[in-house]
Amino acid sequence: MLPDEPRPPTDGTSGAPGGPAPTRCYRHPEQEAGVGCSRCGRPICPRCMVNASVGFHCPECVEEGNRHVRRATTRFGGRPAGDGALVTKALIGVNLVVYVLAAYVLTPWLAYDLELRSLAPDRMYPFAEGVAAGPDQWYRLLTAVFLHTTPWHIATNMLVLWVLGPQLEATLGRVRFLALYLLSGLAGSAFAFLVAGDGMRSLGASGAVFGLLGATVVLHRRVRAPLGPVVALLLFNLIVTFSVPGIDWRAHLGGLVAGMLTAAGLMYAPRARRAAVQGLTLAGVAGLVLVMLLTGMARYGG
């Protein structure tokens, strides 16, 4: 090519007489670009045009902008949801279904298979039963949390769950709230097994519900809300726990302490290290449950 000969254009135009040909999209060369990105100026076709406050943006500029947008969270790091009580409703639904099955459909076999039961071996009965029998029976620590066999039992537990659950779920987020509920229930079961693992029988969501009571006390303390009503509710439930025969106070206390410990770690975690502190809190409470279980196995296991 001679020095004075015109060079072919590199910007997508044809260089033919009469003006440049239409510009091509930088992502789809086969498409004509009617506009350019208002941020970077690159030509984009209708397939790549993303509406912006001023003009249009290309997909790469939109992605780059989203990286700097801070994700909305609840006060303690959870994801906000449109229905702040979805997990609460789901937990109530599961409890009701299991109650109907255990009390009216598969009675008494389902209750026997799901309840927290433990019998240590002795001279009269040389075989361990329930949780004490080994890891294949440890599921009872969790299934017992969803098991009720009398109307008043499930009614009182579900009422408290409905009163306290939505506020905690909306504040913590769904995942953290569910973890709080399950860990409280497991801790109540594990503490009951640890203290009275020989010949015990226990069931109900009371341990998890007491965990929510403890977490609500921590929440009110954290946000400086009035403590009087929630403390009065907690004291009333503790009085009932120790005055009504047949109530497993061990599950109540275990769930209460676990709920308060879990809530404290979730709600007082420093913002800069929130994820790490909250994760360690959940792992620590789960580890406490395991320690109680293994200690109980050392005492009562077959």
Protein backbone atom coordinates (compact mmCIF):
# COMPACT_ATOMS: atom_id res chain seq x y z
CA MET A 1 0.00 0.00 0.00
CA LEU A 2 1.35 3.40 -1.02
CA PRO A 3 1.77 6.09 1.66
CA ASP A 4 -0.83 8.39 0.10
CA GLU A 5 -3.40 5.63 -0.36
CA PRO A 6 -6.40 5.78 2.05
CA ARG A 7 -6.32 3.24 4.90
CA PRO A 8 -9.39 1.14 5.78
CA PRO A 9 -11.28 2.48 8.80
CA THR A 10 -11.03 0.71 12.16
CA ASP A 11 -14.18 2.08 13.79
CA GLY A 12 -16.74 0.02 11.91
CA THR A 13 -17.38 2.51 9.08
CA SER A 14 -16.94 1.63 5.44
CA GLY A 15 -15.10 4.74 4.32
CA ALA A 16 -17.18 4.83 1.15
CA PRO A 17 -18.12 8.15 -0.47
CA GLY A 18 -21.29 9.65 0.83
CA GLY A 19 -20.62 9.21 4.58
CA PRO A 20 -19.87 6.41 7.07
CA ALA A 21 -21.88 3.22 7.23
CA PRO A 22 -23.86 2.44 10.39
CA THR A 23 -21.71 1.68 13.48
CA ARG A 24 -21.69 -1.90 14.73
CA CYS A 25 -22.38 -3.04 18.32
CA TYR A 26 -19.16 -3.81 20.17
CA ARG A 27 -20.70 -7.03 21.58
CA HIS A 28 -22.65 -8.11 18.50
CA PRO A 29 -20.75 -7.02 15.38
CA GLU A 30 -23.54 -8.31 13.16
CA GLN A 31 -25.99 -5.83 14.72
CA GLU A 32 -26.22 -2.15 13.91
CA ALA A 33 -25.82 0.14 16.92
CA GLY A 34 -28.19 3.05 17.11
CA VAL A 35 -26.80 4.60 20.30
CA GLY A 36 -23.69 4.59 22.44
CA CYS A 37 -23.35 3.80 26.13
CA SER A 38 -23.77 7.01 28.10
CA ARG A 39 -20.94 5.95 30.45
CA CYS A 40 -18.21 4.49 28.25
CA GLY A 41 -19.37 5.66 24.82
CA ARG A 42 -19.16 2.25 23.15
CA PRO A 43 -21.81 1.56 20.47
CA ILE A 44 -24.56 -0.82 21.58
CA CYS A 45 -27.43 -2.53 19.79
CA PRO A 46 -31.00 -2.86 21.15
CA ARG A 47 -30.10 -6.24 22.69
CA CYS A 48 -27.44 -4.60 24.86
CA MET A 49 -29.25 -1.39 25.76
CA VAL A 50 -30.05 -1.08 29.48
CA ASN A 51 -32.24 1.84 30.52
CA ALA A 52 -30.48 4.34 32.76
CA SER A 53 -31.44 7.62 34.37
CA VAL A 54 -29.67 9.33 31.47
CA GLY A 55 -29.60 7.46 28.16
CA PHE A 56 -28.60 3.81 28.01
CA HIS A 57 -25.80 1.75 29.53
CA CYS A 58 -24.01 -1.27 28.15
CA PRO A 59 -24.13 -4.56 30.14
CA GLU A 60 -20.51 -4.24 31.29
CA CYS A 61 -21.06 -0.77 32.74
CA VAL A 62 -24.22 -1.98 34.49
CA GLU A 63 -22.32 -4.91 36.02
CA GLU A 64 -19.50 -2.66 37.13
CA GLY A 65 -21.96 -0.25 38.73
CA ASN A 66 -23.73 -3.04 40.62
CA ARG A 67 -20.48 -4.07 42.26
CA HIS A 68 -20.45 -0.79 44.16
CA VAL A 69 -24.09 -0.93 45.22
CA ARG A 70 -24.43 -1.95 48.86
CA ARG A 71 -26.86 -4.83 49.40
CA ALA A 72 -29.76 -3.99 51.69
CA THR A 73 -29.76 -5.91 54.98
CA THR A 74 -31.73 -6.08 58.16
CA ARG A 75 -30.34 -4.44 61.27
CA PHE A 76 -28.28 -7.52 62.11
CA GLY A 77 -27.14 -8.55 58.65
CA GLY A 78 -29.96 -10.68 57.28
CA ARG A 79 -31.69 -10.24 53.95
CA PRO A 80 -34.92 -8.24 54.13
CA ALA A 81 -37.97 -10.08 52.82
CA GLY A 82 -41.40 -9.02 51.69
CA ASP A 83 -43.11 -11.45 54.05
CA GLY A 84 -41.23 -11.05 57.31
CA ALA A 85 -43.04 -14.00 58.91
CA LEU A 86 -42.61 -16.70 56.26
CA VAL A 87 -40.39 -18.97 58.38
CA THR A 88 -42.63 -18.46 61.41
CA LYS A 89 -45.67 -19.55 59.40
CA ALA A 90 -43.77 -22.53 57.99
CA LEU A 91 -42.71 -23.66 61.48
CA ILE A 92 -46.27 -23.39 62.75
CA GLY A 93 -47.48 -25.34 59.73
CA VAL A 94 -44.98 -28.16 60.27
CA ASN A 95 -45.88 -28.39 63.96
CA LEU A 96 -49.59 -28.57 63.16
CA VAL A 97 -49.14 -31.27 60.52
CA VAL A 98 -47.02 -33.41 62.84
CA TYR A 99 -49.53 -32.88 65.65
CA VAL A 100 -52.46 -34.09 63.54
CA LEU A 101 -50.50 -37.12 62.35
CA ALA A 102 -49.24 -38.06 65.81
CA ALA A 103 -52.45 -37.39 67.73
CA TYR A 104 -55.11 -38.62 65.32
CA VAL A 105 -53.67 -40.55 62.35
CA LEU A 106 -50.56 -42.50 63.29
CA THR A 107 -51.17 -42.72 67.00
CA PRO A 108 -49.34 -43.88 69.09
CA TRP A 109 -46.55 -45.12 66.83
CA LEU A 110 -45.42 -41.78 65.41
CA ALA A 111 -45.10 -40.18 68.84
CA TYR A 112 -43.08 -43.13 70.05
CA ASP A 113 -40.74 -42.88 67.06
CA LEU A 114 -40.24 -39.10 67.27
CA GLU A 115 -40.25 -38.23 70.97
CA LEU A 116 -37.11 -37.59 73.00
CA ARG A 117 -36.73 -40.92 74.77
CA SER A 118 -33.80 -42.45 76.59
CA LEU A 119 -33.33 -45.52 78.73
CA ALA A 120 -29.93 -46.48 80.09
CA PRO A 121 -29.09 -50.20 80.35
CA ASP A 122 -29.20 -51.88 83.75
CA ARG A 123 -29.42 -55.37 85.19
CA MET A 124 -33.14 -55.66 84.54
CA TYR A 125 -32.99 -54.16 81.04
CA PRO A 126 -29.51 -54.63 79.54
CA PHE A 127 -30.18 -52.70 76.33
CA ALA A 128 -30.11 -48.92 75.91
CA GLU A 129 -33.12 -47.32 74.25
CA GLY A 130 -33.73 -44.03 72.47
CA VAL A 131 -30.96 -41.43 72.37
CA ALA A 132 -28.79 -43.48 74.70
CA ALA A 133 -28.78 -46.31 72.15
CA GLY A 134 -26.37 -44.48 69.84
CA PRO A 135 -26.08 -42.06 66.89
CA ASP A 136 -28.87 -43.70 64.90
CA GLN A 137 -31.30 -42.42 67.55
CA TRP A 138 -29.94 -38.91 67.90
CA TYR A 139 -32.52 -37.65 65.42
CA ARG A 140 -34.93 -37.59 68.37
CA LEU A 141 -33.23 -34.43 69.65
CA LEU A 142 -34.70 -32.60 66.66
CA THR A 143 -37.92 -34.46 65.89
CA ALA A 144 -39.14 -34.06 69.45
CA VAL A 145 -39.08 -30.28 68.93
CA PHE A 146 -41.89 -30.61 66.36
CA LEU A 147 -43.97 -33.16 68.28
CA HIS A 148 -47.10 -32.47 70.35
CA THR A 149 -49.87 -34.84 71.39
CA THR A 150 -52.32 -32.64 73.31
CA PRO A 151 -54.30 -29.60 72.10
CA TRP A 152 -53.31 -27.30 74.97
CA HIS A 153 -49.62 -28.09 74.50
CA ILE A 154 -49.44 -27.19 70.83
CA ALA A 155 -51.83 -24.26 71.27
CA THR A 156 -49.69 -22.53 73.90
CA ASN A 157 -46.41 -23.14 72.05
CA MET A 158 -47.74 -21.97 68.68
CA LEU A 159 -49.33 -18.89 70.25
CA VAL A 160 -46.01 -17.77 71.72
CA LEU A 161 -44.25 -18.61 68.44
CA TRP A 162 -46.73 -16.47 66.52
CA VAL A 163 -46.36 -13.57 68.97
CA LEU A 164 -42.54 -13.53 69.09
CA GLY A 165 -41.52 -15.07 65.77
CA PRO A 166 -42.39 -12.32 63.23
CA GLN A 167 -40.46 -9.59 65.07
CA LEU A 168 -37.34 -11.73 65.44
CA GLU A 169 -37.56 -13.02 61.88
CA ALA A 170 -37.91 -9.52 60.42
CA THR A 171 -35.01 -8.27 62.53
CA LEU A 172 -32.58 -11.17 62.05
CA GLY A 173 -33.56 -12.38 58.61
CA ARG A 174 -34.97 -15.77 57.73
CA VAL A 175 -31.79 -17.85 57.89
CA ARG A 176 -30.58 -16.46 61.22
CA PHE A 177 -34.05 -16.75 62.74
CA LEU A 178 -34.37 -20.38 61.67
CA ALA A 179 -30.91 -21.13 63.07
CA LEU A 180 -31.91 -19.50 66.37
CA TYR A 181 -35.08 -21.59 66.59
CA LEU A 182 -33.45 -24.92 65.74
CA LEU A 183 -30.40 -24.42 67.96
CA SER A 184 -32.63 -23.46 70.89
CA GLY A 185 -34.74 -26.57 70.39
CA LEU A 186 -31.70 -28.83 70.05
CA ALA A 187 -30.07 -27.31 73.12
CA GLY A 188 -33.23 -27.90 75.14
CA SER A 189 -33.33 -31.54 74.06
CA ALA A 190 -29.61 -32.06 74.71
CA PHE A 191 -29.79 -30.49 78.17
CA ALA A 192 -32.81 -32.60 79.06
CA PHE A 193 -30.93 -35.73 77.99
CA LEU A 194 -27.84 -34.66 79.90
CA VAL A 195 -29.68 -34.01 83.17
CA ALA A 196 -32.28 -36.79 83.07
CA GLY A 197 -31.20 -39.17 80.34
CA ASP A 198 -32.04 -42.30 82.33
CA GLY A 199 -35.66 -43.20 81.74
CA MET A 200 -36.68 -39.82 80.29
CA ARG A 201 -39.50 -38.97 77.88
CA SER A 202 -39.94 -35.47 76.50
CA LEU A 203 -41.54 -33.75 73.52
CA GLY A 204 -42.69 -30.32 72.33
CA ALA A 205 -41.42 -27.05 70.92
CA SER A 206 -41.11 -25.46 74.36
CA GLY A 207 -37.31 -25.44 74.29
CA ALA A 208 -37.28 -23.58 70.97
CA VAL A 209 -40.02 -21.22 72.16
CA PHE A 210 -38.10 -20.41 75.34
CA GLY A 211 -35.12 -19.70 73.07
CA LEU A 212 -37.25 -17.10 71.29
CA LEU A 213 -38.23 -15.63 74.65
CA GLY A 214 -34.57 -15.29 75.61
CA ALA A 215 -33.70 -13.82 72.22
CA THR A 216 -36.51 -11.26 72.55
CA VAL A 217 -35.10 -10.13 75.90
CA VAL A 218 -31.68 -9.67 74.24
CA LEU A 219 -33.29 -7.81 71.32
CA HIS A 220 -35.12 -5.38 73.58
CA ARG A 221 -31.91 -4.80 75.50
CA ARG A 222 -29.96 -4.25 72.28
CA VAL A 223 -32.38 -1.70 70.79
CA ARG A 224 -33.15 -0.12 74.16
CA ALA A 225 -36.83 -1.03 74.00
CA PRO A 226 -38.90 -1.42 77.20
CA LEU A 227 -37.97 -4.69 78.91
CA GLY A 228 -40.94 -4.87 81.27
CA PRO A 229 -43.49 -6.69 79.06
CA VAL A 230 -41.12 -9.34 77.69
CA VAL A 231 -39.52 -9.98 81.10
CA ALA A 232 -42.99 -10.36 82.62
CA LEU A 233 -43.88 -12.88 79.89
CA LEU A 234 -40.67 -14.79 80.55
CA LEU A 235 -41.22 -14.86 84.32
CA PHE A 236 -44.80 -16.03 83.86
CA ASN A 237 -43.65 -18.92 81.67
CA LEU A 238 -40.92 -19.85 84.15
CA ILE A 239 -43.47 -19.92 86.99
CA VAL A 240 -45.69 -22.21 84.93
CA THR A 241 -42.67 -24.36 84.08
CA PHE A 242 -41.81 -25.09 87.70
CA SER A 243 -45.35 -25.23 89.09
CA VAL A 244 -47.26 -27.42 86.62
CA PRO A 245 -46.51 -31.15 86.88
CA GLY A 246 -45.36 -32.94 83.75
CA ILE A 247 -43.50 -30.00 82.18
CA ASP A 248 -39.86 -30.68 81.29
CA TRP A 249 -38.12 -27.73 82.94
CA ARG A 250 -34.76 -28.98 81.64
CA ALA A 251 -35.76 -28.44 78.00
CA HIS A 252 -37.10 -24.99 78.87
CA LEU A 253 -33.93 -23.85 80.61
CA GLY A 254 -31.64 -25.34 77.96
CA GLY A 255 -33.55 -23.60 75.18
CA LEU A 256 -33.67 -20.30 77.09
CA VAL A 257 -29.90 -20.17 77.68
CA ALA A 258 -29.11 -21.23 74.11
CA GLY A 259 -31.50 -18.63 72.70
CA MET A 260 -29.94 -15.84 74.74
CA LEU A 261 -26.39 -16.88 73.81
CA THR A 262 -27.26 -17.17 70.12
CA ALA A 263 -29.10 -13.85 70.06
CA ALA A 264 -26.27 -12.06 71.86
CA GLY A 265 -23.76 -13.26 69.28
CA LEU A 266 -26.02 -12.34 66.36
CA MET A 267 -27.10 -8.94 67.66
CA TYR A 268 -23.92 -7.65 69.26
CA ALA A 269 -21.53 -8.71 66.48
CA PRO A 270 -19.46 -5.70 65.32
CA ARG A 271 -20.42 -4.54 61.85
CA ALA A 272 -16.86 -4.86 60.48
CA ARG A 273 -16.65 -8.55 61.44
CA ARG A 274 -20.34 -9.38 61.60
CA ALA A 275 -20.34 -12.45 59.36
CA ALA A 276 -17.37 -14.05 61.13
CA VAL A 277 -18.68 -13.39 64.64
CA GLN A 278 -22.19 -14.58 63.80
CA GLY A 279 -20.85 -17.72 62.15
CA LEU A 280 -18.67 -18.48 65.17
CA THR A 281 -21.64 -17.91 67.46
CA LEU A 282 -23.81 -20.43 65.63
CA ALA A 283 -20.93 -22.91 65.49
CA GLY A 284 -20.23 -22.39 69.19
CA VAL A 285 -23.82 -23.06 70.25
CA ALA A 286 -23.94 -26.11 67.98
CA GLY A 287 -20.71 -27.28 69.60
CA LEU A 288 -22.26 -26.81 73.05
CA VAL A 289 -25.17 -29.02 71.99
CA LEU A 290 -22.72 -31.69 70.84
CA VAL A 291 -20.77 -31.52 74.11
CA MET A 292 -23.96 -32.01 76.14
CA LEU A 293 -24.97 -34.91 73.93
CA LEU A 294 -21.60 -36.66 74.17
CA THR A 295 -21.46 -36.09 77.92
CA GLY A 296 -24.90 -37.62 78.26
CA MET A 297 -23.82 -40.58 76.14
CA ALA A 298 -20.84 -41.11 78.44
CA ARG A 299 -23.26 -41.27 81.38
CA TYR A 300 -26.17 -43.19 79.90
CA GLY A 301 -25.03 -44.71 76.61
CA GLY A 302 -25.13 -48.44 76.06
